[in-house]
């Protein structure tokens, strides 16, 4: 259960760091389908929709994915570090 809450916190940090990073016009979203959705409905709404849907699905299948939650946390930690690196690089 604790890992799920860590994942939620990481999702929020990813959302914030992505929004900040994408303020730089030289940067673009690397995830193609997400980039298309962002173009259609906006960066923040797209991120909120996708992340909310993902967390609801993970919550409903948390018993089945157990150890994968840790892998997701590691993945998002790497993404956040990369976002921060891109923000600092300016």
C-alpha atoms as a PDB file:
ATOM      1  CA  UNK A   1       0.000   0.000   0.000  1.00  0.00           C
ATOM      2  CA  UNK A   2       2.821   2.404   0.860  1.00  0.00           C
ATOM      3  CA  UNK A   3       4.385   1.857  -2.562  1.00  0.00           C
ATOM      4  CA  UNK A   4       1.133   2.960  -4.186  1.00  0.00           C
ATOM      5  CA  UNK A   5       1.240   6.249  -2.267  1.00  0.00           C
ATOM      6  CA  UNK A   6       4.871   6.752  -3.266  1.00  0.00           C
ATOM      7  CA  UNK A   7       3.797   6.201  -6.868  1.00  0.00           C
ATOM      8  CA  UNK A   8       1.070   8.839  -6.487  1.00  0.00           C
ATOM      9  CA  UNK A   9       3.645  11.314  -5.163  1.00  0.00           C
ATOM     10  CA  UNK A  10       5.959  10.497  -8.064  1.00  0.00           C
ATOM     11  CA  UNK A  11       3.101  11.004 -10.527  1.00  0.00           C
ATOM     12  CA  UNK A  12       2.478  14.460  -9.097  1.00  0.00           C
ATOM     13  CA  UNK A  13       6.178  15.332  -9.287  1.00  0.00           C
ATOM     14  CA  UNK A  14       6.309  14.039 -12.865  1.00  0.00           C
ATOM     15  CA  UNK A  15       3.275  16.120 -13.792  1.00  0.00           C
ATOM     16  CA  UNK A  16       4.756  19.287 -12.260  1.00  0.00           C
ATOM     17  CA  UNK A  17       8.241  18.773 -13.674  1.00  0.00           C
ATOM     18  CA  UNK A  18       6.842  17.978 -17.129  1.00  0.00           C
ATOM     19  CA  UNK A  19       4.685  21.110 -17.175  1.00  0.00           C
ATOM     20  CA  UNK A  20       7.655  23.228 -16.103  1.00  0.00           C
ATOM     21  CA  UNK A  21      10.027  21.583 -18.600  1.00  0.00           C
ATOM     22  CA  UNK A  22       7.590  22.011 -21.483  1.00  0.00           C
ATOM     23  CA  UNK A  23       7.470  25.759 -20.897  1.00  0.00           C
ATOM     24  CA  UNK A  24      10.772  25.734 -22.757  1.00  0.00           C
ATOM     25  CA  UNK A  25       9.776  25.906 -26.451  1.00  0.00           C
ATOM     26  CA  UNK A  26      12.874  23.891 -27.441  1.00  0.00           C
ATOM     27  CA  UNK A  27      11.584  20.868 -25.514  1.00  0.00           C
ATOM     28  CA  UNK A  28       8.790  18.515 -26.488  1.00  0.00           C
ATOM     29  CA  UNK A  29       7.038  15.519 -24.962  1.00  0.00           C
ATOM     30  CA  UNK A  30       8.921  12.325 -25.848  1.00  0.00           C
ATOM     31  CA  UNK A  31       5.839  10.086 -25.571  1.00  0.00           C
ATOM     32  CA  UNK A  32       4.224  10.348 -29.015  1.00  0.00           C
ATOM     33  CA  UNK A  33       0.609   9.493 -28.121  1.00  0.00           C
ATOM     34  CA  UNK A  34       0.746  11.732 -25.054  1.00  0.00           C
ATOM     35  CA  UNK A  35       2.227  14.559 -27.141  1.00  0.00           C
ATOM     36  CA  UNK A  36      -0.721  14.249 -29.535  1.00  0.00           C
ATOM     37  CA  UNK A  37      -3.202  14.364 -26.672  1.00  0.00           C
ATOM     38  CA  UNK A  38      -1.406  17.396 -25.230  1.00  0.00           C
ATOM     39  CA  UNK A  39      -1.706  19.133 -28.572  1.00  0.00           C
ATOM     40  CA  UNK A  40      -5.429  18.343 -28.673  1.00  0.00           C
ATOM     41  CA  UNK A  41      -6.517  19.268 -25.142  1.00  0.00           C
ATOM     42  CA  UNK A  42      -3.519  20.990 -23.561  1.00  0.00           C
ATOM     43  CA  UNK A  43      -0.538  19.870 -21.535  1.00  0.00           C
ATOM     44  CA  UNK A  44      -2.015  19.965 -18.037  1.00  0.00           C
ATOM     45  CA  UNK A  45      -5.406  18.426 -18.918  1.00  0.00           C
ATOM     46  CA  UNK A  46      -3.716  15.629 -20.890  1.00  0.00           C
ATOM     47  CA  UNK A  47      -1.311  14.818 -18.082  1.00  0.00           C
ATOM     48  CA  UNK A  48      -4.051  14.901 -15.459  1.00  0.00           C
ATOM     49  CA  UNK A  49      -6.336  12.631 -17.496  1.00  0.00           C
ATOM     50  CA  UNK A  50      -3.650  10.079 -18.342  1.00  0.00           C
ATOM     51  CA  UNK A  51      -2.178   9.982 -14.840  1.00  0.00           C
ATOM     52  CA  UNK A  52      -5.580   9.736 -13.152  1.00  0.00           C
ATOM     53  CA  UNK A  53      -6.643   6.909 -15.454  1.00  0.00           C
ATOM     54  CA  UNK A  54      -3.351   5.095 -14.896  1.00  0.00           C
ATOM     55  CA  UNK A  55      -3.612   5.385 -11.100  1.00  0.00           C
ATOM     56  CA  UNK A  56      -7.232   4.178 -11.086  1.00  0.00           C
ATOM     57  CA  UNK A  57      -6.246   1.157 -13.192  1.00  0.00           C
ATOM     58  CA  UNK A  58      -3.234   0.430 -10.992  1.00  0.00           C
ATOM     59  CA  UNK A  59      -5.375   0.743  -7.857  1.00  0.00           C
ATOM     60  CA  UNK A  60      -7.924  -1.733  -9.185  1.00  0.00           C
ATOM     61  CA  UNK A  61      -5.213  -4.226 -10.167  1.00  0.00           C
ATOM     62  CA  UNK A  62      -2.795  -3.601  -7.290  1.00  0.00           C
ATOM     63  CA  UNK A  63      -3.059  -7.183  -6.037  1.00  0.00           C
ATOM     64  CA  UNK A  64      -2.045  -8.543  -9.446  1.00  0.00           C
ATOM     65  CA  UNK A  65       0.856  -6.198 -10.145  1.00  0.00           C
ATOM     66  CA  UNK A  66       2.492  -6.170  -6.686  1.00  0.00           C
ATOM     67  CA  UNK A  67       6.212  -6.009  -7.452  1.00  0.00           C
ATOM     68  CA  UNK A  68       5.657  -3.968 -10.584  1.00  0.00           C
ATOM     69  CA  UNK A  69       4.746  -0.990  -8.418  1.00  0.00           C
ATOM     70  CA  UNK A  70       8.367  -0.754  -7.294  1.00  0.00           C
ATOM     71  CA  UNK A  71       9.524  -0.885 -10.917  1.00  0.00           C
ATOM     72  CA  UNK A  72       7.072   1.903 -11.789  1.00  0.00           C
ATOM     73  CA  UNK A  73       8.370   3.998  -8.904  1.00  0.00           C
ATOM     74  CA  UNK A  74      11.946   3.567 -10.118  1.00  0.00           C
ATOM     75  CA  UNK A  75      10.920   4.406 -13.682  1.00  0.00           C
ATOM     76  CA  UNK A  76       9.134   7.594 -12.631  1.00  0.00           C
ATOM     77  CA  UNK A  77      12.019   8.611 -10.369  1.00  0.00           C
ATOM     78  CA  UNK A  78      14.306   8.412 -13.422  1.00  0.00           C
ATOM     79  CA  UNK A  79      11.810  10.415 -15.502  1.00  0.00           C
ATOM     80  CA  UNK A  80      11.609  13.111 -12.811  1.00  0.00           C
ATOM     81  CA  UNK A  81      15.403  13.345 -12.538  1.00  0.00           C
ATOM     82  CA  UNK A  82      15.574  13.715 -16.319  1.00  0.00           C
ATOM     83  CA  UNK A  83      12.872  16.410 -16.272  1.00  0.00           C
ATOM     84  CA  UNK A  84      14.777  18.321 -13.589  1.00  0.00           C
ATOM     85  CA  UNK A  85      17.976  17.995 -15.620  1.00  0.00           C
ATOM     86  CA  UNK A  86      16.183  19.442 -18.662  1.00  0.00           C
ATOM     87  CA  UNK A  87      14.707  22.279 -16.580  1.00  0.00           C
ATOM     88  CA  UNK A  88      18.116  23.206 -15.173  1.00  0.00           C
ATOM     89  CA  UNK A  89      19.686  23.013 -18.616  1.00  0.00           C
ATOM     90  CA  UNK A  90      17.115  25.588 -19.674  1.00  0.00           C
END
